[in-house]
Protein backbone atom coordinates (compact mmCIF):
# COMPACT_ATOMS: atom_id res chain seq x y z
CA MET A 1 113.37 45.33 151.71
CA ASP A 2 113.21 47.81 154.40
CA GLN A 3 112.34 51.55 153.14
CA LEU A 4 115.29 53.99 154.55
CA THR A 5 113.87 56.93 156.08
CA PRO A 6 116.44 59.68 157.07
CA HIS A 7 115.82 61.14 160.55
CA ASP A 8 115.80 64.91 159.80
CA GLN A 9 114.39 65.89 156.70
CA ALA A 10 115.94 69.24 155.05
CA PRO A 11 113.22 71.17 153.44
CA GLU A 12 112.69 70.42 150.03
CA HIS A 13 115.62 71.77 147.63
CA ARG A 14 114.69 74.78 145.52
CA ARG A 15 117.05 75.93 142.65
CA LYS A 16 118.21 80.09 142.26
CA GLY A 17 116.34 81.45 139.89
CA ARG A 18 113.60 78.94 139.85
CA ARG A 19 110.20 80.17 138.52
CA LYS A 20 107.07 78.48 137.61
CA ILE A 21 105.91 80.01 134.16
CA SER A 22 103.81 78.82 131.14
CA ALA A 23 104.48 76.80 128.42
CA LEU A 24 103.84 79.57 126.12
CA ALA A 25 105.72 82.13 128.11
CA ALA A 26 108.74 79.80 128.32
CA ALA A 27 109.32 79.87 124.64
CA GLY A 28 110.04 83.50 124.90
CA LEU A 29 111.27 83.77 128.69
CA LEU A 30 113.84 81.02 128.95
CA LEU A 31 115.58 79.46 125.94
CA ALA A 32 115.16 81.25 122.54
CA GLY A 33 113.44 79.37 119.79
CA ILE A 34 111.49 76.57 121.70
CA GLY A 35 109.83 75.36 118.75
CA SER A 36 106.13 73.60 118.36
CA ALA A 37 107.10 70.41 116.91
CA SER A 38 106.59 68.66 120.07
CA THR A 39 104.47 71.27 121.92
CA ALA A 40 101.18 68.74 121.84
CA ASP A 41 103.26 66.48 123.80
CA ALA A 42 104.91 68.29 125.74
CA LYS A 43 101.73 69.70 126.95
CA THR A 44 99.82 66.88 127.60
CA LEU A 45 102.19 65.02 129.38
CA ALA A 46 104.81 67.48 131.17
CA GLY A 47 102.05 69.64 131.70
CA GLU A 48 101.40 73.14 130.78
CA SER A 49 104.01 74.78 133.55
CA VAL A 50 107.86 74.45 133.08
CA LEU A 51 111.24 75.51 135.34
CA ALA A 52 114.25 77.06 134.74
CA THR A 53 117.20 74.88 133.82
CA ALA A 54 119.28 73.53 136.46
CA SER A 55 122.66 75.74 136.87
CA THR A 56 125.77 73.83 135.61
CA THR A 57 126.80 73.44 139.52
CA PHE A 58 125.81 70.31 141.22
CA PRO A 59 124.70 71.18 144.78
CA THR A 60 126.70 70.45 148.04
CA PRO A 61 125.18 67.48 150.38
CA THR A 62 123.99 68.15 153.72
CA GLY A 63 125.11 64.42 154.98
CA SER A 64 125.93 61.21 153.71
CA VAL A 65 124.38 57.49 154.17
CA LYS A 66 125.98 54.71 153.25
CA VAL A 67 123.71 51.53 151.88
CA THR A 68 124.17 48.48 151.77
CA SER A 69 120.43 47.11 150.55
CA THR A 70 118.14 48.40 147.76
CA THR A 71 115.50 50.93 149.29
CA ALA A 72 111.79 50.38 148.45
CA VAL A 73 109.62 53.69 148.36
CA LYS A 74 106.02 53.22 148.12
CA GLY A 75 104.68 57.01 148.52
CA THR A 76 107.18 59.89 148.62
CA PHE A 77 111.00 59.67 149.68
CA ASP A 78 112.60 62.92 150.58
CA GLY A 79 116.38 62.74 150.89
CA GLY A 80 116.81 65.87 152.42
CA LEU A 81 119.69 66.33 149.53
CA LYS A 82 122.02 63.87 151.43
CA ARG A 83 124.25 61.86 149.55
CA PHE A 84 123.09 58.15 149.19
CA TYR A 85 126.01 55.50 148.19
CA GLY A 86 127.13 52.06 149.09
CA ILE A 87 125.59 49.65 146.56
CA GLY A 88 127.85 47.81 143.79
CA ASP A 89 131.54 48.59 142.77
CA GLY A 90 130.80 51.35 140.49
CA SER A 91 131.08 49.28 136.91
CA GLN A 92 128.95 48.80 134.16
CA SER A 93 128.09 45.96 135.13
CA GLU A 94 123.83 45.06 134.59
CA SER A 95 123.93 42.48 137.58
CA GLN A 96 123.86 45.28 140.11
CA ASP A 97 121.07 46.31 142.46
CA PRO A 98 119.45 49.47 142.04
CA MET A 99 119.84 52.02 144.91
CA PHE A 100 115.87 52.83 145.01
CA THR A 101 112.75 50.97 143.62
CA ILE A 102 109.75 52.82 142.87
CA ALA A 103 106.68 51.52 143.31
CA ASP A 104 103.49 52.99 140.92
CA GLY A 105 102.72 55.84 142.02
CA GLY A 106 105.89 56.83 143.99
CA THR A 107 108.01 59.89 144.28
CA VAL A 108 111.94 59.99 144.75
CA LYS A 109 112.93 63.61 145.72
CA ASN A 110 115.78 65.60 146.91
CA VAL A 111 118.57 62.80 146.82
CA ILE A 112 122.10 63.09 145.80
CA ILE A 113 123.51 59.61 144.51
CA GLY A 114 127.06 58.93 144.76
CA SER A 115 129.31 56.43 144.12
CA PRO A 116 129.04 53.46 143.87
CA ALA A 117 125.43 53.67 143.14
CA GLY A 118 124.58 50.03 141.43
CA ASP A 119 122.17 50.05 138.79
CA GLY A 120 120.81 53.65 139.94
CA ILE A 121 116.73 53.86 140.57
CA HIS A 122 114.29 51.38 139.26
CA CYS A 123 110.93 52.66 138.16
CA LEU A 124 108.13 50.18 138.70
CA GLY A 125 105.63 51.79 137.19
CA THR A 126 104.26 55.32 136.98
CA CYS A 127 106.79 57.58 138.85
CA THR A 128 108.42 60.54 139.73
CA ILE A 129 112.19 61.61 140.26
CA GLN A 130 112.10 65.10 141.46
CA ASN A 131 115.75 67.11 141.96
CA VAL A 132 117.96 63.82 142.17
CA TRP A 133 121.55 64.33 141.11
CA TRP A 134 123.72 61.57 140.20
CA GLU A 135 127.90 62.18 141.10
CA ASP A 136 129.16 59.26 139.13
CA VAL A 137 126.55 57.41 137.02
CA GLY A 138 127.79 53.87 137.37
CA GLU A 139 125.60 51.33 135.14
CA ASP A 140 122.23 53.39 134.51
CA ALA A 141 121.12 56.67 136.73
CA ALA A 142 117.30 55.19 136.47
CA THR A 143 115.30 52.63 134.57
CA GLN A 144 111.71 51.99 134.01
CA LYS A 145 110.98 48.76 134.23
CA GLY A 146 107.02 48.95 134.77
CA THR A 147 104.75 46.65 132.70
CA LYS A 148 101.46 48.75 132.42
CA ALA A 149 100.33 50.25 129.60
CA GLY A 150 100.17 54.07 129.83
CA GLN A 151 102.54 54.53 132.72
CA VAL A 152 104.95 57.80 132.76
CA MET A 153 107.97 58.19 134.45
CA THR A 154 108.80 61.84 135.00
CA ILE A 155 112.20 63.05 135.58
CA ASP A 156 112.03 66.86 136.79
CA GLY A 157 115.09 68.61 137.67
CA GLY A 158 118.28 67.63 139.10
CA GLY A 159 121.33 66.20 136.82
CA ALA A 160 123.78 63.14 135.91
CA GLN A 161 127.66 63.65 135.06
CA LYS A 162 130.07 60.68 134.06
CA ALA A 163 127.79 57.94 132.69
CA ASP A 164 130.12 56.14 130.15
CA ASP A 165 126.87 54.88 128.53
CA LYS A 166 123.18 55.51 129.33
CA VAL A 167 121.77 58.13 132.20
CA PHE A 168 117.86 56.69 131.42
CA GLN A 169 116.92 53.14 130.31
CA HIS A 170 113.35 52.58 128.96
CA ASN A 171 112.36 49.28 129.32
CA GLY A 172 108.70 48.72 129.79
CA PRO A 173 106.14 50.57 127.74
CA GLY A 174 104.56 54.03 128.29
CA THR A 175 106.23 57.39 128.18
CA MET A 176 109.48 58.69 129.82
CA VAL A 177 109.52 62.81 130.45
CA ILE A 178 113.09 64.40 131.21
CA LYS A 179 112.60 67.80 131.99
CA ASN A 180 114.57 70.62 133.82
CA PHE A 181 117.44 68.62 133.48
CA LEU A 182 121.30 68.77 133.47
CA ALA A 183 123.45 66.20 131.91
CA LYS A 184 127.46 66.68 131.81
CA ASP A 185 130.08 64.15 130.14
CA VAL A 186 127.37 61.25 129.50
CA GLY A 187 127.30 58.75 126.48
CA LYS A 188 123.44 58.52 126.15
CA LEU A 189 120.82 60.53 127.87
CA TYR A 190 118.11 58.07 126.66
CA ARG A 191 118.01 54.98 125.19
CA SER A 192 114.36 52.80 124.41
CA CYS A 193 115.56 49.38 124.74
CA GLY A 194 116.71 48.06 121.47
CA ASN A 195 117.44 43.94 122.38
CA CYS A 196 114.92 43.58 125.54
CA SER A 197 112.86 40.13 125.45
CA THR A 198 109.45 42.12 125.53
CA GLN A 199 109.36 44.90 123.33
CA PHE A 200 107.01 48.00 123.40
CA LYS A 201 105.83 51.30 121.90
CA ARG A 202 107.64 53.98 123.63
CA THR A 203 107.67 57.38 123.87
CA VAL A 204 110.44 60.21 125.18
CA ILE A 205 109.80 63.61 126.07
CA VAL A 206 112.93 66.22 126.08
CA GLN A 207 111.98 69.28 127.71
CA ASN A 208 114.40 72.08 128.69
CA VAL A 209 117.64 69.72 129.37
CA THR A 210 121.04 71.14 129.21
CA VAL A 211 123.73 68.97 128.13
CA VAL A 212 127.48 69.77 128.86
CA ALA A 213 129.91 67.65 126.49
CA PRO A 214 131.39 65.57 125.92
CA GLY A 215 128.57 63.44 125.21
CA LYS A 216 127.30 61.09 122.24
CA VAL A 217 123.22 61.21 121.89
CA LEU A 218 120.49 62.45 123.37
CA ALA A 219 117.92 59.82 122.71
CA GLY A 220 118.41 56.37 120.51
CA ILE A 221 114.88 54.91 119.54
CA ASN A 222 113.54 52.24 117.55
CA THR A 223 111.62 53.33 114.78
CA ASN A 224 110.18 49.51 114.00
CA PHE A 225 108.35 49.38 117.36
CA GLY A 226 106.59 53.00 116.92
CA ASP A 227 108.96 55.01 119.61
CA ARG A 228 108.71 58.52 119.34
CA ALA A 229 111.17 61.21 120.63
CA THR A 230 110.02 65.08 121.34
CA PHE A 231 112.50 67.91 121.47
CA THR A 232 112.09 71.49 123.12
CA GLY A 233 114.08 73.88 124.96
CA VAL A 234 117.61 72.10 124.60
CA THR A 235 120.83 73.45 125.03
CA ILE A 236 124.40 72.21 124.71
CA GLN A 237 127.24 73.74 125.65
CA GLY A 238 130.73 73.14 124.50
CA ASP A 239 129.93 71.30 121.49
CA PRO A 240 130.79 73.73 118.53
CA SER A 241 131.22 70.87 115.79
CA LYS A 242 127.65 69.94 116.67
CA LYS A 243 129.18 65.97 117.42
CA ILE A 244 126.41 65.35 119.86
CA HIS A 245 123.66 63.70 118.02
CA ILE A 246 120.01 65.02 119.21
CA CYS A 247 118.11 61.68 118.09
CA ASP A 248 119.31 57.97 116.45
CA ARG A 249 117.15 55.91 115.18
CA PHE A 250 117.46 51.96 115.04
CA THR A 251 115.89 48.65 114.30
CA GLY A 252 115.39 47.19 117.39
CA ASN A 253 114.91 43.21 118.54
CA SER A 254 113.72 41.09 121.30
CA SER A 255 115.97 38.62 120.26
CA GLY A 256 119.07 40.19 122.00
CA ALA A 257 121.09 41.04 119.21
CA GLU A 258 122.53 44.66 118.69
CA PRO A 259 120.12 47.10 117.39
CA VAL A 260 120.86 48.60 114.09
CA LYS A 261 121.31 52.08 113.53
CA THR A 262 119.25 53.47 110.66
CA GLY A 263 119.62 57.15 110.86
CA THR A 264 119.98 59.95 112.78
CA GLY A 265 118.14 63.86 113.12
CA PRO A 266 114.77 65.19 113.02
CA ASP A 267 112.27 63.22 110.62
CA GLY A 268 108.83 64.52 111.64
CA THR A 269 107.74 61.21 112.72
CA PHE A 270 109.95 59.49 115.17
CA CYS A 271 112.46 62.31 116.05
CA VAL A 272 110.70 65.10 116.46
CA TYR A 273 112.20 68.45 116.44
CA SER A 274 113.26 71.63 114.36
CA ALA A 275 116.44 73.52 114.35
CA SER A 276 115.19 76.50 116.67
CA ASP A 277 114.47 73.48 119.68
CA ILE A 278 118.38 73.31 119.98
CA THR A 279 120.42 75.74 121.34
CA TYR A 280 124.27 75.81 121.17
CA GLN A 281 126.50 77.84 123.80
């Protein structure tokens, strides 16, 4: 597949009010009560510094690009905040092609993904998805499909809305970092695959994320495979009854059967956070 390169790339988008500050300063300056339950994980894999959470307004596209085949990215692809769309039919079908595939070590940034968006973005190893916005999530926004132990998929900035099911799907091993992200009207922000034919221990770090109701759960993980989810600086808006679950625990399988839910909420081992890590507005 050919790599699509915009002819006139715009400068990297910078959100209003965005500041680089230390993780410790973030605790006092950004969101009240960023606790210490997952500080070690967050510092190690998400970096010492964090960025202010994005506003609840999606950016305006600088232009539109209709594509008919997957864009294979090696290195860095900067979309100049153009809207890319055109693959699939916008349904929940898992047979749709992705809009982008990112090779190990690659980055996609400054992209608005419109509708239809196929199966979003496929990460094939360690990758970075920076300031990417999904206007209408079809099947999934992005999926980790790499197979290397120790790989890290980092989603930094951007946002997604209108996801009937999942935003981020974790099929391969390793860690997924979701930080400085906005999710509006989504089913699940993250799901460690519950019934993939090959299973792994997986880790997810959720840091400085704003979720706007309605929604169902931030993360679903498989305790029998040793998954771990940590949360700091989560803000949930429009959910006074606290119906949105932070972390659901499942017994996963490799047979393709529906995984069995075993619990929800913090347990100090698999779902790691405290009440002070979650702010309701």
